[in-house]
């Protein structure tokens, strides 16, 4: 994997906190920053995927008018769970 160096300007308080946490965790400030960025990206990318799915569902509802009410969704999910339990028991 190719890597690129990027600079981040941090105030002294954040820099000091990173150094202290790095020392406590026996990690470098670089490792902590990289880990924080990775976790943030994963969380935000998931949020964007869910938002896109919600928009698609809403558009499908507007196009077709089809939906499942709470009781019907509950029945279907219960049926799926029952089928999974039966299959697992076999």
C-alpha atoms as a PDB file:
ATOM      1  CA  UNK A   1       0.000   0.000   0.000  1.00  0.00           C
ATOM      2  CA  UNK A   2       1.381   3.375  -1.001  1.00  0.00           C
ATOM      3  CA  UNK A   3       1.479   5.991   1.740  1.00  0.00           C
ATOM      4  CA  UNK A   4       1.482   9.778   1.662  1.00  0.00           C
ATOM      5  CA  UNK A   5       2.564  12.198   4.326  1.00  0.00           C
ATOM      6  CA  UNK A   6       0.054  14.896   5.256  1.00  0.00           C
ATOM      7  CA  UNK A   7       0.533  17.632   7.798  1.00  0.00           C
ATOM      8  CA  UNK A   8      -1.928  18.535  10.514  1.00  0.00           C
ATOM      9  CA  UNK A   9      -1.608  21.697  12.562  1.00  0.00           C
ATOM     10  CA  UNK A  10      -2.430  21.047  16.205  1.00  0.00           C
ATOM     11  CA  UNK A  11      -2.521  23.460  19.081  1.00  0.00           C
ATOM     12  CA  UNK A  12      -0.160  22.786  21.973  1.00  0.00           C
ATOM     13  CA  UNK A  13      -2.903  21.380  24.204  1.00  0.00           C
ATOM     14  CA  UNK A  14      -3.897  18.688  21.702  1.00  0.00           C
ATOM     15  CA  UNK A  15      -0.255  17.883  20.950  1.00  0.00           C
ATOM     16  CA  UNK A  16       0.489  17.490  24.665  1.00  0.00           C
ATOM     17  CA  UNK A  17      -2.593  15.320  25.168  1.00  0.00           C
ATOM     18  CA  UNK A  18      -1.561  13.083  22.263  1.00  0.00           C
ATOM     19  CA  UNK A  19       1.929  12.703  23.684  1.00  0.00           C
ATOM     20  CA  UNK A  20       0.584  11.874  27.155  1.00  0.00           C
ATOM     21  CA  UNK A  21      -1.930   9.345  25.852  1.00  0.00           C
ATOM     22  CA  UNK A  22       0.708   7.823  23.592  1.00  0.00           C
ATOM     23  CA  UNK A  23       3.021   7.384  26.543  1.00  0.00           C
ATOM     24  CA  UNK A  24       0.252   5.822  28.631  1.00  0.00           C
ATOM     25  CA  UNK A  25      -0.709   3.418  25.847  1.00  0.00           C
ATOM     26  CA  UNK A  26       2.875   2.813  24.732  1.00  0.00           C
ATOM     27  CA  UNK A  27       1.996   4.145  21.272  1.00  0.00           C
ATOM     28  CA  UNK A  28       3.267   7.051  19.246  1.00  0.00           C
ATOM     29  CA  UNK A  29       1.180  10.173  18.663  1.00  0.00           C
ATOM     30  CA  UNK A  30       1.329   9.247  14.962  1.00  0.00           C
ATOM     31  CA  UNK A  31      -0.273   5.866  15.675  1.00  0.00           C
ATOM     32  CA  UNK A  32      -3.014   7.499  17.768  1.00  0.00           C
ATOM     33  CA  UNK A  33      -3.804  10.047  15.058  1.00  0.00           C
ATOM     34  CA  UNK A  34      -3.858   7.405  12.331  1.00  0.00           C
ATOM     35  CA  UNK A  35      -6.144   5.162  14.420  1.00  0.00           C
ATOM     36  CA  UNK A  36      -8.491   8.069  15.196  1.00  0.00           C
ATOM     37  CA  UNK A  37      -8.725   9.005  11.515  1.00  0.00           C
ATOM     38  CA  UNK A  38      -9.391   5.396  10.480  1.00  0.00           C
ATOM     39  CA  UNK A  39     -12.171   4.998  13.048  1.00  0.00           C
ATOM     40  CA  UNK A  40     -13.727   8.342  12.123  1.00  0.00           C
ATOM     41  CA  UNK A  41     -13.700   7.463   8.418  1.00  0.00           C
ATOM     42  CA  UNK A  42     -15.290   4.058   9.047  1.00  0.00           C
ATOM     43  CA  UNK A  43     -18.035   5.617  11.173  1.00  0.00           C
ATOM     44  CA  UNK A  44     -18.777   8.405   8.696  1.00  0.00           C
ATOM     45  CA  UNK A  45     -18.645   6.123   5.644  1.00  0.00           C
ATOM     46  CA  UNK A  46     -21.152   3.808   7.350  1.00  0.00           C
ATOM     47  CA  UNK A  47     -23.378   6.794   8.119  1.00  0.00           C
ATOM     48  CA  UNK A  48     -23.238   7.874   4.459  1.00  0.00           C
ATOM     49  CA  UNK A  49     -24.083   4.349   3.230  1.00  0.00           C
ATOM     50  CA  UNK A  50     -27.076   4.210   5.587  1.00  0.00           C
ATOM     51  CA  UNK A  51     -28.192   7.670   4.478  1.00  0.00           C
ATOM     52  CA  UNK A  52     -28.014   6.580   0.826  1.00  0.00           C
ATOM     53  CA  UNK A  53     -30.008   3.419   1.600  1.00  0.00           C
ATOM     54  CA  UNK A  54     -32.633   5.488   3.430  1.00  0.00           C
ATOM     55  CA  UNK A  55     -32.928   7.833   0.465  1.00  0.00           C
ATOM     56  CA  UNK A  56     -33.346   4.863  -1.885  1.00  0.00           C
ATOM     57  CA  UNK A  57     -36.031   3.375   0.362  1.00  0.00           C
ATOM     58  CA  UNK A  58     -37.864   6.687   0.494  1.00  0.00           C
ATOM     59  CA  UNK A  59     -37.678   7.035  -3.278  1.00  0.00           C
ATOM     60  CA  UNK A  60     -38.967   3.471  -3.716  1.00  0.00           C
ATOM     61  CA  UNK A  61     -41.894   4.271  -1.403  1.00  0.00           C
ATOM     62  CA  UNK A  62     -42.663   7.469  -3.301  1.00  0.00           C
ATOM     63  CA  UNK A  63     -42.516   5.599  -6.625  1.00  0.00           C
ATOM     64  CA  UNK A  64     -44.611   2.590  -5.580  1.00  0.00           C
ATOM     65  CA  UNK A  65     -46.466   3.532  -2.412  1.00  0.00           C
ATOM     66  CA  UNK A  66     -45.535   0.091  -1.043  1.00  0.00           C
ATOM     67  CA  UNK A  67     -44.516  -0.293   2.575  1.00  0.00           C
ATOM     68  CA  UNK A  68     -44.650  -2.720   5.483  1.00  0.00           C
ATOM     69  CA  UNK A  69     -46.451  -1.657   8.611  1.00  0.00           C
ATOM     70  CA  UNK A  70     -44.962  -2.561  11.974  1.00  0.00           C
ATOM     71  CA  UNK A  71     -47.067  -5.685  12.508  1.00  0.00           C
ATOM     72  CA  UNK A  72     -46.317  -7.125   9.061  1.00  0.00           C
ATOM     73  CA  UNK A  73     -42.586  -6.462   9.469  1.00  0.00           C
ATOM     74  CA  UNK A  74     -42.681  -8.127  12.892  1.00  0.00           C
ATOM     75  CA  UNK A  75     -44.451 -11.205  11.449  1.00  0.00           C
ATOM     76  CA  UNK A  76     -41.899 -11.545   8.662  1.00  0.00           C
ATOM     77  CA  UNK A  77     -38.929 -11.146  10.979  1.00  0.00           C
ATOM     78  CA  UNK A  78     -40.372 -13.695  13.397  1.00  0.00           C
ATOM     79  CA  UNK A  79     -40.876 -16.133  10.526  1.00  0.00           C
ATOM     80  CA  UNK A  80     -37.246 -15.618   9.359  1.00  0.00           C
ATOM     81  CA  UNK A  81     -35.977 -16.180  12.907  1.00  0.00           C
ATOM     82  CA  UNK A  82     -38.064 -19.343  13.269  1.00  0.00           C
ATOM     83  CA  UNK A  83     -36.729 -20.674   9.961  1.00  0.00           C
ATOM     84  CA  UNK A  84     -33.143 -19.923  11.016  1.00  0.00           C
ATOM     85  CA  UNK A  85     -33.630 -21.722  14.343  1.00  0.00           C
ATOM     86  CA  UNK A  86     -35.160 -24.740  12.581  1.00  0.00           C
ATOM     87  CA  UNK A  87     -32.294 -24.846  10.097  1.00  0.00           C
ATOM     88  CA  UNK A  88     -29.688 -24.531  12.862  1.00  0.00           C
ATOM     89  CA  UNK A  89     -31.302 -27.398  14.784  1.00  0.00           C
ATOM     90  CA  UNK A  90     -31.087 -29.751  11.785  1.00  0.00           C
END
